[in-house]
Amino acid sequence: METFAQESFAAVIEEDPEANDIIHSTQHYLIDPNGQVIRQYDGVETNTVSIAEDIEAIQGDYSQTIWPF
């Protein structure tokens, strides 16, 4: 997962040995079926309505080609 995040999104993932935890981005991404980033969202201040609208729009674009729903 760490390699995928770093290579695909240039996201930083680091171990925090003092807290026995990891440090990572709070960003969320909407990815199309081809693996392309469509949108990036702030994971702390997330507007779920706009994310749902974006997903519905993308589903319409790909519903006849790749996505089964």
PDB file of N, CA and C in Angstrom:
ATOM      1  N   MET A   1       0.824  -1.179   0.000  1.00  0.00           N
ATOM      2  CA  MET A   1       0.000   0.000   0.000  1.00  0.00           C
ATOM      3  C   MET A   1       0.875   1.253   0.000  1.00  0.00           C
ATOM      4  N   GLU A   2       1.947   1.195   0.761  1.00  0.00           N
ATOM      5  CA  GLU A   2       2.846   2.346   0.828  1.00  0.00           C
ATOM      6  C   GLU A   2       3.423   2.682  -0.537  1.00  0.00           C
ATOM      7  N   THR A   3       3.878   1.685  -1.259  1.00  0.00           N
ATOM      8  CA  THR A   3       4.450   1.899  -2.587  1.00  0.00           C
ATOM      9  C   THR A   3       3.399   2.449  -3.539  1.00  0.00           C
ATOM     10  N   PHE A   4       2.201   1.869  -3.512  1.00  0.00           N
ATOM     11  CA  PHE A   4       1.108   2.336  -4.361  1.00  0.00           C
ATOM     12  C   PHE A   4       0.801   3.802  -4.085  1.00  0.00           C
ATOM     13  N   ALA A   5       0.682   4.169  -2.827  1.00  0.00           N
ATOM     14  CA  ALA A   5       0.365   5.554  -2.463  1.00  0.00           C
ATOM     15  C   ALA A   5       1.453   6.509  -2.912  1.00  0.00           C
ATOM     16  N   GLN A   6       2.698   6.112  -2.739  1.00  0.00           N
ATOM     17  CA  GLN A   6       3.798   6.982  -3.129  1.00  0.00           C
ATOM     18  C   GLN A   6       3.903   7.115  -4.641  1.00  0.00           C
ATOM     19  N   GLU A   7       3.762   6.015  -5.352  1.00  0.00           N
ATOM     20  CA  GLU A   7       3.916   6.050  -6.805  1.00  0.00           C
ATOM     21  C   GLU A   7       2.704   6.660  -7.507  1.00  0.00           C
ATOM     22  N   SER A   8       1.518   6.393  -7.007  1.00  0.00           N
ATOM     23  CA  SER A   8       0.310   6.855  -7.681  1.00  0.00           C
ATOM     24  C   SER A   8      -0.097   8.272  -7.310  1.00  0.00           C
ATOM     25  N   PHE A   9       0.100   8.648  -6.069  1.00  0.00           N
ATOM     26  CA  PHE A   9      -0.406   9.932  -5.583  1.00  0.00           C
ATOM     27  C   PHE A   9       0.669  10.829  -4.983  1.00  0.00           C
ATOM     28  N   ALA A  10       1.911  10.392  -5.016  1.00  0.00           N
ATOM     29  CA  ALA A  10       3.002  11.118  -4.366  1.00  0.00           C
ATOM     30  C   ALA A  10       2.667  11.402  -2.901  1.00  0.00           C
ATOM     31  N   ALA A  11       1.959  10.447  -2.279  1.00  0.00           N
ATOM     32  CA  ALA A  11       1.546  10.592  -0.883  1.00  0.00           C
ATOM     33  C   ALA A  11       2.654  10.101   0.040  1.00  0.00           C
ATOM     34  N   VAL A  12       2.850  10.814   1.106  1.00  0.00           N
ATOM     35  CA  VAL A  12       3.862  10.455   2.089  1.00  0.00           C
ATOM     36  C   VAL A  12       3.244   9.513   3.113  1.00  0.00           C
ATOM     37  N   ILE A  13       3.924   8.402   3.341  1.00  0.00           N
ATOM     38  CA  ILE A  13       3.551   7.483   4.402  1.00  0.00           C
ATOM     39  C   ILE A  13       4.828   7.161   5.148  1.00  0.00           C
ATOM     40  N   GLU A  14       4.836   7.472   6.438  1.00  0.00           N
ATOM     41  CA  GLU A  14       6.013   7.228   7.258  1.00  0.00           C
ATOM     42  C   GLU A  14       5.606   6.606   8.580  1.00  0.00           C
ATOM     43  N   GLU A  15       6.471   5.783   9.112  1.00  0.00           N
ATOM     44  CA  GLU A  15       6.233   5.227  10.437  1.00  0.00           C
ATOM     45  C   GLU A  15       6.550   6.274  11.494  1.00  0.00           C
ATOM     46  N   ASP A  16       5.764   6.276  12.551  1.00  0.00           N
ATOM     47  CA  ASP A  16       6.006   7.128  13.714  1.00  0.00           C
ATOM     48  C   ASP A  16       6.292   6.195  14.889  1.00  0.00           C
ATOM     49  N   PRO A  17       7.556   5.840  15.073  1.00  0.00           N
ATOM     50  CA  PRO A  17       7.886   4.848  16.095  1.00  0.00           C
ATOM     51  C   PRO A  17       7.537   5.293  17.521  1.00  0.00           C
ATOM     52  N   GLU A  18       7.531   6.580  17.776  1.00  0.00           N
ATOM     53  CA  GLU A  18       7.201   7.059  19.118  1.00  0.00           C
ATOM     54  C   GLU A  18       5.739   6.809  19.471  1.00  0.00           C
ATOM     55  N   ALA A  19       4.869   6.840  18.466  1.00  0.00           N
ATOM     56  CA  ALA A  19       3.440   6.656  18.709  1.00  0.00           C
ATOM     57  C   ALA A  19       2.961   5.271  18.262  1.00  0.00           C
ATOM     58  N   ASN A  20       3.890   4.446  17.759  1.00  0.00           N
ATOM     59  CA  ASN A  20       3.523   3.136  17.221  1.00  0.00           C
ATOM     60  C   ASN A  20       2.377   3.285  16.218  1.00  0.00           C
ATOM     61  N   ASP A  21       2.583   4.191  15.269  1.00  0.00           N
ATOM     62  CA  ASP A  21       1.541   4.555  14.319  1.00  0.00           C
ATOM     63  C   ASP A  21       2.196   4.925  12.997  1.00  0.00           C
ATOM     64  N   ILE A  22       1.398   5.361  12.035  1.00  0.00           N
ATOM     65  CA  ILE A  22       1.929   5.858  10.774  1.00  0.00           C
ATOM     66  C   ILE A  22       1.436   7.280  10.537  1.00  0.00           C
ATOM     67  N   ILE A  23       2.211   8.019   9.782  1.00  0.00           N
ATOM     68  CA  ILE A  23       1.860   9.369   9.364  1.00  0.00           C
ATOM     69  C   ILE A  23       1.502   9.277   7.888  1.00  0.00           C
ATOM     70  N   HIS A  24       0.338   9.807   7.530  1.00  0.00           N
ATOM     71  CA  HIS A  24      -0.098   9.710   6.140  1.00  0.00           C
ATOM     72  C   HIS A  24      -0.984  10.896   5.786  1.00  0.00           C
ATOM     73  N   SER A  25      -1.203  11.058   4.510  1.00  0.00           N
ATOM     74  CA  SER A  25      -2.057  12.119   3.989  1.00  0.00           C
ATOM     75  C   SER A  25      -3.507  11.864   4.373  1.00  0.00           C
ATOM     76  N   THR A  26      -4.272  12.935   4.470  1.00  0.00           N
ATOM     77  CA  THR A  26      -5.709  12.804   4.716  1.00  0.00           C
ATOM     78  C   THR A  26      -6.510  13.050   3.440  1.00  0.00           C
ATOM     79  N   GLN A  27      -5.843  13.126   2.317  1.00  0.00           N
ATOM     80  CA  GLN A  27      -6.509  13.370   1.049  1.00  0.00           C
ATOM     81  C   GLN A  27      -7.266  12.127   0.588  1.00  0.00           C
ATOM     82  N   HIS A  28      -8.391  12.348  -0.081  1.00  0.00           N
ATOM     83  CA  HIS A  28      -9.157  11.289  -0.723  1.00  0.00           C
ATOM     84  C   HIS A  28      -9.149  11.588  -2.214  1.00  0.00           C
ATOM     85  N   TYR A  29      -9.197  10.530  -3.012  1.00  0.00           N
ATOM     86  CA  TYR A  29      -9.127  10.701  -4.461  1.00  0.00           C
ATOM     87  C   TYR A  29     -10.261   9.962  -5.137  1.00  0.00           C
ATOM     88  N   LEU A  30     -10.787  10.551  -6.193  1.00  0.00           N
ATOM     89  CA  LEU A  30     -11.740   9.879  -7.070  1.00  0.00           C
ATOM     90  C   LEU A  30     -10.952   9.450  -8.293  1.00  0.00           C
ATOM     91  N   ILE A  31     -10.948   8.148  -8.540  1.00  0.00           N
ATOM     92  CA  ILE A  31     -10.147   7.568  -9.604  1.00  0.00           C
ATOM     93  C   ILE A  31     -11.071   6.970 -10.661  1.00  0.00           C
ATOM     94  N   ASP A  32     -10.782   7.192 -11.936  1.00  0.00           N
ATOM     95  CA  ASP A  32     -11.601   6.587 -12.979  1.00  0.00           C
ATOM     96  C   ASP A  32     -11.143   5.150 -13.219  1.00  0.00           C
ATOM     97  N   PRO A  33     -11.895   4.377 -13.986  1.00  0.00           N
ATOM     98  CA  PRO A  33     -11.539   2.970 -14.213  1.00  0.00           C
ATOM     99  C   PRO A  33     -10.182   2.768 -14.891  1.00  0.00           C
ATOM    100  N   ASN A  34      -9.645   3.816 -15.488  1.00  0.00           N
ATOM    101  CA  ASN A  34      -8.331   3.731 -16.123  1.00  0.00           C
ATOM    102  C   ASN A  34      -7.195   4.079 -15.170  1.00  0.00           C
ATOM    103  N   GLY A  35      -7.551   4.357 -13.913  1.00  0.00           N
ATOM    104  CA  GLY A  35      -6.536   4.670 -12.916  1.00  0.00           C
ATOM    105  C   GLY A  35      -6.135   6.133 -12.870  1.00  0.00           C
ATOM    106  N   GLN A  36      -6.868   6.986 -13.562  1.00  0.00           N
ATOM    107  CA  GLN A  36      -6.557   8.410 -13.584  1.00  0.00           C
ATOM    108  C   GLN A  36      -7.271   9.127 -12.443  1.00  0.00           C
ATOM    109  N   VAL A  37      -6.569  10.037 -11.786  1.00  0.00           N
ATOM    110  CA  VAL A  37      -7.185  10.821 -10.719  1.00  0.00           C
ATOM    111  C   VAL A  37      -8.127  11.841 -11.357  1.00  0.00           C
ATOM    112  N   ILE A  38      -9.391  11.809 -10.943  1.00  0.00           N
ATOM    113  CA  ILE A  38     -10.390  12.741 -11.436  1.00  0.00           C
ATOM    114  C   ILE A  38     -10.466  13.961 -10.525  1.00  0.00           C
ATOM    115  N   ARG A  39     -10.499  13.709  -9.230  1.00  0.00           N
ATOM    116  CA  ARG A  39     -10.589  14.791  -8.245  1.00  0.00           C
ATOM    117  C   ARG A  39      -9.831  14.398  -6.981  1.00  0.00           C
ATOM    118  N   GLN A  40      -9.397  15.408  -6.282  1.00  0.00           N
ATOM    119  CA  GLN A  40      -8.747  15.235  -4.978  1.00  0.00           C
ATOM    120  C   GLN A  40      -9.588  15.984  -3.950  1.00  0.00           C
ATOM    121  N   TYR A  41      -9.802  15.352  -2.802  1.00  0.00           N
ATOM    122  CA  TYR A  41     -10.624  15.953  -1.750  1.00  0.00           C
ATOM    123  C   TYR A  41      -9.838  16.040  -0.455  1.00  0.00           C
ATOM    124  N   ASP A  42     -10.145  17.053   0.323  1.00  0.00           N
ATOM    125  CA  ASP A  42      -9.570  17.203   1.650  1.00  0.00           C
ATOM    126  C   ASP A  42     -10.265  16.217   2.569  1.00  0.00           C
ATOM    127  N   GLY A  43      -9.541  15.285   3.117  1.00  0.00           N
ATOM    128  CA  GLY A  43     -10.125  14.258   3.963  1.00  0.00           C
ATOM    129  C   GLY A  43     -10.550  14.737   5.332  1.00  0.00           C
ATOM    130  N   VAL A  44     -10.155  15.939   5.706  1.00  0.00           N
ATOM    131  CA  VAL A  44     -10.551  16.487   6.999  1.00  0.00           C
ATOM    132  C   VAL A  44     -11.831  17.304   6.861  1.00  0.00           C
ATOM    133  N   GLU A  45     -11.911  18.102   5.824  1.00  0.00           N
ATOM    134  CA  GLU A  45     -13.082  18.955   5.565  1.00  0.00           C
ATOM    135  C   GLU A  45     -13.848  18.394   4.367  1.00  0.00           C
ATOM    136  N   THR A  46     -14.374  17.207   4.505  1.00  0.00           N
ATOM    137  CA  THR A  46     -15.001  16.514   3.382  1.00  0.00           C
ATOM    138  C   THR A  46     -16.461  16.909   3.217  1.00  0.00           C
ATOM    139  N   ASN A  47     -16.813  17.300   1.992  1.00  0.00           N
ATOM    140  CA  ASN A  47     -18.189  17.581   1.623  1.00  0.00           C
ATOM    141  C   ASN A  47     -18.708  16.341   0.894  1.00  0.00           C
ATOM    142  N   THR A  48     -19.415  15.478   1.618  1.00  0.00           N
ATOM    143  CA  THR A  48     -19.843  14.214   1.035  1.00  0.00           C
ATOM    144  C   THR A  48     -20.859  14.395  -0.083  1.00  0.00           C
ATOM    145  N   VAL A  49     -21.608  15.490  -0.053  1.00  0.00           N
ATOM    146  CA  VAL A  49     -22.580  15.732  -1.125  1.00  0.00           C
ATOM    147  C   VAL A  49     -21.855  15.929  -2.452  1.00  0.00           C
ATOM    148  N   SER A  50     -20.816  16.741  -2.461  1.00  0.00           N
ATOM    149  CA  SER A  50     -20.086  16.977  -3.716  1.00  0.00           C
ATOM    150  C   SER A  50     -19.365  15.716  -4.180  1.00  0.00           C
ATOM    151  N   ILE A  51     -18.874  14.916  -3.241  1.00  0.00           N
ATOM    152  CA  ILE A  51     -18.221  13.657  -3.626  1.00  0.00           C
ATOM    153  C   ILE A  51     -19.245  12.728  -4.274  1.00  0.00           C
ATOM    154  N   ALA A  52     -20.427  12.605  -3.680  1.00  0.00           N
ATOM    155  CA  ALA A  52     -21.481  11.753  -4.241  1.00  0.00           C
ATOM    156  C   ALA A  52     -21.881  12.235  -5.630  1.00  0.00           C
ATOM    157  N   GLU A  53     -21.985  13.545  -5.816  1.00  0.00           N
ATOM    158  CA  GLU A  53     -22.327  14.096  -7.126  1.00  0.00           C
ATOM    159  C   GLU A  53     -21.245  13.768  -8.157  1.00  0.00           C
ATOM    160  N   ASP A  54     -19.977  13.876  -7.741  1.00  0.00           N
ATOM    161  CA  ASP A  54     -18.873  13.554  -8.651  1.00  0.00           C
ATOM    162  C   ASP A  54     -18.900  12.072  -9.026  1.00  0.00           C
ATOM    163  N   ILE A  55     -19.171  11.206  -8.057  1.00  0.00           N
ATOM    164  CA  ILE A  55     -19.233   9.764  -8.329  1.00  0.00           C
ATOM    165  C   ILE A  55     -20.375   9.467  -9.300  1.00  0.00           C
ATOM    166  N   GLU A  56     -21.533  10.068  -9.067  1.00  0.00           N
ATOM    167  CA  GLU A  56     -22.662   9.856  -9.973  1.00  0.00           C
ATOM    168  C   GLU A  56     -22.337  10.311 -11.393  1.00  0.00           C
ATOM    169  N   ALA A  57     -21.653  11.429 -11.518  1.00  0.00           N
ATOM    170  CA  ALA A  57     -21.278  11.936 -12.840  1.00  0.00           C
ATOM    171  C   ALA A  57     -20.311  10.982 -13.533  1.00  0.00           C
ATOM    172  N   ILE A  58     -19.333  10.495 -12.795  1.00  0.00           N
ATOM    173  CA  ILE A  58     -18.354   9.569 -13.367  1.00  0.00           C
ATOM    174  C   ILE A  58     -19.017   8.251 -13.737  1.00  0.00           C
ATOM    175  N   GLN A  59     -19.936   7.775 -12.900  1.00  0.00           N
ATOM    176  CA  GLN A  59     -20.641   6.533 -13.224  1.00  0.00           C
ATOM    177  C   GLN A  59     -21.393   6.669 -14.544  1.00  0.00           C
ATOM    178  N   GLY A  60     -21.994   7.813 -14.762  1.00  0.00           N
ATOM    179  CA  GLY A  60     -22.697   8.043 -16.023  1.00  0.00           C
ATOM    180  C   GLY A  60     -21.757   8.005 -17.206  1.00  0.00           C
ATOM    181  N   ASP A  61     -20.560   8.567 -17.029  1.00  0.00           N
ATOM    182  CA  ASP A  61     -19.578   8.584 -18.115  1.00  0.00           C
ATOM    183  C   ASP A  61     -19.096   7.184 -18.481  1.00  0.00           C
ATOM    184  N   TYR A  62     -19.010   6.288 -17.494  1.00  0.00           N
ATOM    185  CA  TYR A  62     -18.421   4.969 -17.716  1.00  0.00           C
ATOM    186  C   TYR A  62     -19.420   3.824 -17.619  1.00  0.00           C
ATOM    187  N   SER A  63     -20.684   4.131 -17.397  1.00  0.00           N
ATOM    188  CA  SER A  63     -21.650   3.053 -17.136  1.00  0.00           C
ATOM    189  C   SER A  63     -21.793   2.072 -18.300  1.00  0.00           C
ATOM    190  N   GLN A  64     -21.601   2.519 -19.488  1.00  0.00           N
ATOM    191  CA  GLN A  64     -21.766   1.641 -20.649  1.00  0.00           C
ATOM    192  C   GLN A  64     -20.466   0.950 -21.053  1.00  0.00           C
ATOM    193  N   THR A  65     -19.359   1.330 -20.435  1.00  0.00           N
ATOM    194  CA  THR A  65     -18.093   0.778 -20.895  1.00  0.00           C
ATOM    195  C   THR A  65     -17.396  -0.128 -19.888  1.00  0.00           C
ATOM    196  N   ILE A  66     -17.233   0.343 -18.652  1.00  0.00           N
ATOM    197  CA  ILE A  66     -16.402  -0.407 -17.724  1.00  0.00           C
ATOM    198  C   ILE A  66     -17.137  -0.742 -16.432  1.00  0.00           C
ATOM    199  N   TRP A  67     -17.818   0.209 -15.833  1.00  0.00           N
ATOM    200  CA  TRP A  67     -18.406   0.004 -14.506  1.00  0.00           C
ATOM    201  C   TRP A  67     -19.665  -0.821 -14.605  1.00  0.00           C
ATOM    202  N   PRO A  68     -19.810  -1.827 -13.747  1.00  0.00           N
ATOM    203  CA  PRO A  68     -20.982  -2.705 -13.811  1.00  0.00           C
ATOM    204  C   PRO A  68     -22.218  -2.174 -13.107  1.00  0.00           C
ATOM    205  N   PHE A  69     -22.199  -0.977 -12.572  1.00  0.00           N
ATOM    206  CA  PHE A  69     -23.376  -0.442 -11.857  1.00  0.00           C
ATOM    207  C   PHE A  69     -23.804   0.867 -12.405  1.00  0.00           C
TER     208      PHE A  69
END
